[in-house]
PDB file of N, CA and C in Angstrom:
ATOM      1  N   MET A   1     -28.572   9.327   7.893  1.00  0.00           N
ATOM      2  CA  MET A   1     -27.674   8.025   7.637  1.00  0.00           C
ATOM      3  C   MET A   1     -26.793   7.991   6.926  1.00  0.00           C
ATOM      4  N   PHE A   2     -27.164   8.449   5.718  1.00  0.00           N
ATOM      5  CA  PHE A   2     -25.743   8.692   4.296  1.00  0.00           C
ATOM      6  C   PHE A   2     -26.394   9.982   4.163  1.00  0.00           C
ATOM      7  N   ASN A   3     -24.588  10.534   3.804  1.00  0.00           N
ATOM      8  CA  ASN A   3     -24.921  11.975   3.455  1.00  0.00           C
ATOM      9  C   ASN A   3     -25.243  12.240   2.047  1.00  0.00           C
ATOM     10  N   GLY A   4     -25.020  11.367   1.386  1.00  0.00           N
ATOM     11  CA  GLY A   4     -24.714  11.296  -0.126  1.00  0.00           C
ATOM     12  C   GLY A   4     -24.720  10.047  -1.140  1.00  0.00           C
ATOM     13  N   ILE A   5     -24.243  10.048  -2.445  1.00  0.00           N
ATOM     14  CA  ILE A   5     -23.709   9.282  -3.244  1.00  0.00           C
ATOM     15  C   ILE A   5     -22.809   9.039  -2.549  1.00  0.00           C
ATOM     16  N   TRP A   6     -21.543   9.779  -2.452  1.00  0.00           N
ATOM     17  CA  TRP A   6     -20.143   9.582  -2.277  1.00  0.00           C
ATOM     18  C   TRP A   6     -20.437   8.384  -0.750  1.00  0.00           C
ATOM     19  N   GLU A   7     -20.956   8.686   0.133  1.00  0.00           N
ATOM     20  CA  GLU A   7     -21.293   8.085   1.170  1.00  0.00           C
ATOM     21  C   GLU A   7     -21.330   6.789   0.939  1.00  0.00           C
ATOM     22  N   ILE A   8     -22.342   6.664  -0.057  1.00  0.00           N
ATOM     23  CA  ILE A   8     -22.790   5.637   0.312  1.00  0.00           C
ATOM     24  C   ILE A   8     -22.105   4.499  -0.835  1.00  0.00           C
ATOM     25  N   ILE A   9     -21.200   5.384  -1.548  1.00  0.00           N
ATOM     26  CA  ILE A   9     -19.586   4.375  -1.837  1.00  0.00           C
ATOM     27  C   ILE A   9     -18.850   4.358  -1.523  1.00  0.00           C
ATOM     28  N   ARG A  10     -18.679   5.611  -0.398  1.00  0.00           N
ATOM     29  CA  ARG A  10     -17.074   4.774   0.310  1.00  0.00           C
ATOM     30  C   ARG A  10     -17.881   4.166   1.521  1.00  0.00           C
ATOM     31  N   GLN A  11     -19.064   3.878   1.744  1.00  0.00           N
ATOM     32  CA  GLN A  11     -19.307   2.865   2.381  1.00  0.00           C
ATOM     33  C   GLN A  11     -19.065   1.391   1.871  1.00  0.00           C
ATOM     34  N   ILE A  12     -19.502   1.522   0.746  1.00  0.00           N
ATOM     35  CA  ILE A  12     -19.073   0.359   0.239  1.00  0.00           C
ATOM     36  C   ILE A  12     -17.924  -0.323  -0.473  1.00  0.00           C
ATOM     37  N   CYS A  13     -17.316   0.792  -0.280  1.00  0.00           N
ATOM     38  CA  CYS A  13     -15.765   0.569  -0.848  1.00  0.00           C
ATOM     39  C   CYS A  13     -15.110  -0.383   0.731  1.00  0.00           C
ATOM     40  N   MET A  14     -15.287   0.500   1.641  1.00  0.00           N
ATOM     41  CA  MET A  14     -15.077  -0.018   3.243  1.00  0.00           C
ATOM     42  C   MET A  14     -15.420  -1.398   3.036  1.00  0.00           C
ATOM     43  N   ILE A  15     -16.484  -1.456   2.891  1.00  0.00           N
ATOM     44  CA  ILE A  15     -16.764  -2.751   2.835  1.00  0.00           C
ATOM     45  C   ILE A  15     -16.293  -4.088   2.472  1.00  0.00           C
ATOM     46  N   LEU A  16     -15.941  -3.428   0.947  1.00  0.00           N
ATOM     47  CA  LEU A  16     -15.800  -4.678  -0.158  1.00  0.00           C
ATOM     48  C   LEU A  16     -13.532  -4.122   0.148  1.00  0.00           C
ATOM     49  N   CYS A  17     -13.058  -3.459   0.795  1.00  0.00           N
ATOM     50  CA  CYS A  17     -11.712  -3.131   0.860  1.00  0.00           C
ATOM     51  C   CYS A  17     -11.295  -4.425   1.351  1.00  0.00           C
ATOM     52  N   TRP A  18     -12.305  -5.289   2.708  1.00  0.00           N
ATOM     53  CA  TRP A  18     -11.355  -6.047   3.252  1.00  0.00           C
ATOM     54  C   TRP A  18     -11.404  -8.014   2.711  1.00  0.00           C
ATOM     55  N   VAL A  19     -11.932  -7.460   1.340  1.00  0.00           N
ATOM     56  CA  VAL A  19     -11.640  -9.304   0.213  1.00  0.00           C
ATOM     57  C   VAL A  19     -11.251  -9.003  -1.066  1.00  0.00           C
ATOM     58  N   ALA A  20     -11.061  -7.040  -0.870  1.00  0.00           N
ATOM     59  CA  ALA A  20     -10.394  -7.331  -2.326  1.00  0.00           C
ATOM     60  C   ALA A  20      -9.140  -7.499  -2.635  1.00  0.00           C
ATOM     61  N   PRO A  21      -8.493  -7.455  -1.741  1.00  0.00           N
ATOM     62  CA  PRO A  21      -6.238  -8.359  -1.357  1.00  0.00           C
ATOM     63  C   PRO A  21      -6.816  -9.536  -1.984  1.00  0.00           C
ATOM     64  N   PHE A  22      -7.710  -9.725  -1.172  1.00  0.00           N
ATOM     65  CA  PHE A  22      -7.823 -11.843  -1.642  1.00  0.00           C
ATOM     66  C   PHE A  22      -8.096 -12.532  -3.307  1.00  0.00           C
ATOM     67  N   THR A  23      -9.391 -11.582  -3.628  1.00  0.00           N
ATOM     68  CA  THR A  23      -9.838 -11.482  -4.825  1.00  0.00           C
ATOM     69  C   THR A  23      -8.695 -11.219  -5.640  1.00  0.00           C
ATOM     70  N   PHE A  24      -8.261 -10.137  -5.790  1.00  0.00           N
ATOM     71  CA  PHE A  24      -6.961  -9.527  -7.156  1.00  0.00           C
ATOM     72  C   PHE A  24      -6.115 -10.630  -6.786  1.00  0.00           C
ATOM     73  N   VAL A  25      -5.497 -11.004  -5.756  1.00  0.00           N
ATOM     74  CA  VAL A  25      -4.478 -11.923  -6.407  1.00  0.00           C
ATOM     75  C   VAL A  25      -5.059 -13.209  -6.240  1.00  0.00           C
ATOM     76  N   PHE A  26      -6.313 -13.707  -5.995  1.00  0.00           N
ATOM     77  CA  PHE A  26      -6.808 -15.033  -6.545  1.00  0.00           C
ATOM     78  C   PHE A  26      -6.971 -14.860  -7.918  1.00  0.00           C
ATOM     79  N   PHE A  27      -8.305 -13.812  -8.662  1.00  0.00           N
ATOM     80  CA  PHE A  27      -8.008 -13.128 -10.193  1.00  0.00           C
ATOM     81  C   PHE A  27      -6.443 -13.302 -10.776  1.00  0.00           C
ATOM     82  N   LEU A  28      -5.276 -12.484  -9.679  1.00  0.00           N
ATOM     83  CA  LEU A  28      -4.338 -12.181 -11.322  1.00  0.00           C
ATOM     84  C   LEU A  28      -4.091 -13.638 -11.343  1.00  0.00           C
ATOM     85  N   VAL A  29      -4.259 -13.746 -10.148  1.00  0.00           N
ATOM     86  CA  VAL A  29      -2.921 -15.599 -10.795  1.00  0.00           C
ATOM     87  C   VAL A  29      -3.731 -16.990 -11.776  1.00  0.00           C
ATOM     88  N   TYR A  30      -5.054 -16.805 -11.326  1.00  0.00           N
ATOM     89  CA  TYR A  30      -5.335 -17.207 -12.266  1.00  0.00           C
ATOM     90  C   TYR A  30      -5.591 -17.108 -13.965  1.00  0.00           C
ATOM     91  N   ALA A  31      -5.507 -15.153 -14.176  1.00  0.00           N
ATOM     92  CA  ALA A  31      -5.575 -15.071 -15.254  1.00  0.00           C
ATOM     93  C   ALA A  31      -3.882 -15.314 -15.574  1.00  0.00           C
ATOM     94  N   VAL A  32      -2.963 -14.620 -15.160  1.00  0.00           N
ATOM     95  CA  VAL A  32      -1.365 -15.272 -15.351  1.00  0.00           C
ATOM     96  C   VAL A  32      -1.084 -17.366 -16.166  1.00  0.00           C
ATOM     97  N   ARG A  33      -1.579 -17.547 -15.550  1.00  0.00           N
ATOM     98  CA  ARG A  33      -1.979 -19.360 -15.307  1.00  0.00           C
ATOM     99  C   ARG A  33      -3.092 -19.564 -16.732  1.00  0.00           C
ATOM    100  N   GLU A  34      -3.638 -19.184 -17.230  1.00  0.00           N
ATOM    101  CA  GLU A  34      -5.156 -18.970 -18.509  1.00  0.00           C
ATOM    102  C   GLU A  34      -4.014 -18.571 -19.633  1.00  0.00           C
ATOM    103  N   ALA A  35      -3.614 -18.032 -19.130  1.00  0.00           N
ATOM    104  CA  ALA A  35      -2.753 -16.915 -20.142  1.00  0.00           C
ATOM    105  C   ALA A  35      -1.390 -17.691 -20.745  1.00  0.00           C
ATOM    106  N   VAL A  36      -0.565 -18.330 -19.556  1.00  0.00           N
ATOM    107  CA  VAL A  36       0.396 -19.062 -19.632  1.00  0.00           C
ATOM    108  C   VAL A  36       0.216 -20.328 -20.525  1.00  0.00           C
ATOM    109  N   ASN A  37      -1.131 -20.768 -20.292  1.00  0.00           N
ATOM    110  CA  ASN A  37      -1.856 -22.350 -20.721  1.00  0.00           C
ATOM    111  C   ASN A  37      -2.362 -22.120 -21.805  1.00  0.00           C
ATOM    112  N   LYS A  38      -2.536 -20.801 -22.139  1.00  0.00           N
ATOM    113  CA  LYS A  38      -3.437 -20.197 -23.516  1.00  0.00           C
ATOM    114  C   LYS A  38      -5.367 -20.801 -23.805  1.00  0.00           C
ATOM    115  N   GLY A  39      -5.437 -20.537 -22.142  1.00  0.00           N
ATOM    116  CA  GLY A  39      -6.888 -20.738 -22.163  1.00  0.00           C
ATOM    117  C   GLY A  39      -7.337 -19.704 -22.974  1.00  0.00           C
ATOM    118  N   LYS A  40      -8.571 -19.875 -22.682  1.00  0.00           N
ATOM    119  CA  LYS A  40     -10.281 -19.069 -23.111  1.00  0.00           C
ATOM    120  C   LYS A  40     -10.240 -17.932 -22.000  1.00  0.00           C
ATOM    121  N   ARG A  41     -10.048 -17.873 -21.123  1.00  0.00           N
ATOM    122  CA  ARG A  41     -10.559 -17.206 -19.903  1.00  0.00           C
ATOM    123  C   ARG A  41     -10.012 -16.093 -19.244  1.00  0.00           C
ATOM    124  N   ASP A  42      -8.420 -15.897 -19.919  1.00  0.00           N
ATOM    125  CA  ASP A  42      -7.525 -15.402 -19.026  1.00  0.00           C
ATOM    126  C   ASP A  42      -8.399 -13.778 -19.227  1.00  0.00           C
ATOM    127  N   ILE A  43      -8.898 -13.360 -19.994  1.00  0.00           N
ATOM    128  CA  ILE A  43      -9.063 -12.145 -20.448  1.00  0.00           C
ATOM    129  C   ILE A  43     -10.733 -11.492 -19.357  1.00  0.00           C
ATOM    130  N   GLU A  44     -11.577 -12.537 -18.886  1.00  0.00           N
ATOM    131  CA  GLU A  44     -12.353 -12.160 -17.844  1.00  0.00           C
ATOM    132  C   GLU A  44     -12.008 -12.456 -16.779  1.00  0.00           C
ATOM    133  N   TYR A  45     -10.692 -12.781 -15.780  1.00  0.00           N
ATOM    134  CA  TYR A  45      -9.660 -13.146 -15.292  1.00  0.00           C
ATOM    135  C   TYR A  45      -8.928 -12.129 -14.946  1.00  0.00           C
ATOM    136  N   ALA A  46      -8.554 -11.373 -16.161  1.00  0.00           N
ATOM    137  CA  ALA A  46      -7.781 -10.169 -15.681  1.00  0.00           C
ATOM    138  C   ALA A  46      -8.729  -8.983 -15.193  1.00  0.00           C
ATOM    139  N   PHE A  47      -9.939  -8.779 -15.949  1.00  0.00           N
ATOM    140  CA  PHE A  47     -10.883  -8.128 -15.576  1.00  0.00           C
ATOM    141  C   PHE A  47     -11.382  -7.503 -14.684  1.00  0.00           C
ATOM    142  N   PHE A  48     -11.589  -8.668 -13.945  1.00  0.00           N
ATOM    143  CA  PHE A  48     -11.929  -9.273 -12.430  1.00  0.00           C
ATOM    144  C   PHE A  48     -10.310  -8.689 -11.817  1.00  0.00           C
ATOM    145  N   ALA A  49      -9.312  -9.305 -11.530  1.00  0.00           N
ATOM    146  CA  ALA A  49      -9.071  -8.605 -11.192  1.00  0.00           C
ATOM    147  C   ALA A  49      -8.228  -7.038 -10.957  1.00  0.00           C
ATOM    148  N   GLY A  50      -8.783  -6.361 -12.519  1.00  0.00           N
ATOM    149  CA  GLY A  50      -8.255  -5.560 -12.325  1.00  0.00           C
ATOM    150  C   GLY A  50      -9.735  -4.130 -11.173  1.00  0.00           C
ATOM    151  N   ILE A  51     -11.173  -5.119 -11.366  1.00  0.00           N
ATOM    152  CA  ILE A  51     -12.320  -4.240 -10.306  1.00  0.00           C
ATOM    153  C   ILE A  51     -11.616  -4.371  -8.875  1.00  0.00           C
ATOM    154  N   SER A  52     -11.045  -5.919  -8.859  1.00  0.00           N
ATOM    155  CA  SER A  52     -10.713  -5.708  -7.231  1.00  0.00           C
ATOM    156  C   SER A  52      -9.569  -5.036  -6.691  1.00  0.00           C
ATOM    157  N   LEU A  53      -8.382  -4.830  -7.738  1.00  0.00           N
ATOM    158  CA  LEU A  53      -7.168  -3.439  -8.011  1.00  0.00           C
ATOM    159  C   LEU A  53      -8.143  -2.241  -7.453  1.00  0.00           C
ATOM    160  N   PHE A  54      -9.410  -2.207  -8.354  1.00  0.00           N
ATOM    161  CA  PHE A  54     -10.067  -0.537  -8.334  1.00  0.00           C
ATOM    162  C   PHE A  54     -10.861  -0.271  -7.182  1.00  0.00           C
ATOM    163  N   VAL A  55     -11.338  -1.792  -6.178  1.00  0.00           N
ATOM    164  CA  VAL A  55     -11.676  -1.425  -5.415  1.00  0.00           C
ATOM    165  C   VAL A  55     -10.881  -1.105  -3.867  1.00  0.00           C
ATOM    166  N   ILE A  56      -9.204  -1.444  -4.574  1.00  0.00           N
ATOM    167  CA  ILE A  56      -8.434  -1.297  -3.524  1.00  0.00           C
ATOM    168  C   ILE A  56      -8.065   0.306  -3.770  1.00  0.00           C
ATOM    169  N   VAL A  57      -7.621   0.978  -5.041  1.00  0.00           N
ATOM    170  CA  VAL A  57      -7.505   1.682  -4.638  1.00  0.00           C
ATOM    171  C   VAL A  57      -8.384   3.226  -4.635  1.00  0.00           C
ATOM    172  N   SER A  58      -9.513   2.580  -4.536  1.00  0.00           N
ATOM    173  CA  SER A  58     -10.495   3.583  -3.769  1.00  0.00           C
ATOM    174  C   SER A  58     -10.956   3.683  -2.601  1.00  0.00           C
ATOM    175  N   ALA A  59     -11.222   3.105  -1.834  1.00  0.00           N
ATOM    176  CA  ALA A  59     -10.754   2.130  -0.891  1.00  0.00           C
ATOM    177  C   ALA A  59     -10.003   3.371   0.453  1.00  0.00           C
ATOM    178  N   PHE A  60      -8.571   2.987  -0.852  1.00  0.00           N
ATOM    179  CA  PHE A  60      -7.371   3.975   0.162  1.00  0.00           C
ATOM    180  C   PHE A  60      -7.604   5.213  -0.272  1.00  0.00           C
ATOM    181  N   MET A  61      -8.581   5.620  -1.348  1.00  0.00           N
ATOM    182  CA  MET A  61      -8.131   7.134  -2.262  1.00  0.00           C
ATOM    183  C   MET A  61      -9.390   8.397  -1.565  1.00  0.00           C
ATOM    184  N   LEU A  62     -10.876   6.971  -0.981  1.00  0.00           N
ATOM    185  CA  LEU A  62     -11.517   7.576  -0.087  1.00  0.00           C
ATOM    186  C   LEU A  62     -11.762   7.614   0.844  1.00  0.00           C
ATOM    187  N   ARG A  63     -10.730   6.910   1.868  1.00  0.00           N
ATOM    188  CA  ARG A  63     -10.516   6.699   3.345  1.00  0.00           C
ATOM    189  C   ARG A  63     -10.643   8.207   4.118  1.00  0.00           C
TER     190      ARG A  63
END
């Protein structure tokens, strides 16, 4: 079924790439909002936005 670890990673990225753009925008907007309002969770939101962006770029690279 899968030819190796890269094929598994590719399949996971292909599944997640449908959700990743929405999560990227969500976390980026909330990270900016928290940073402007001097919130405490802006780093967490920015981290998850970065993870979502990484999934998007990985899906395009592994395609």
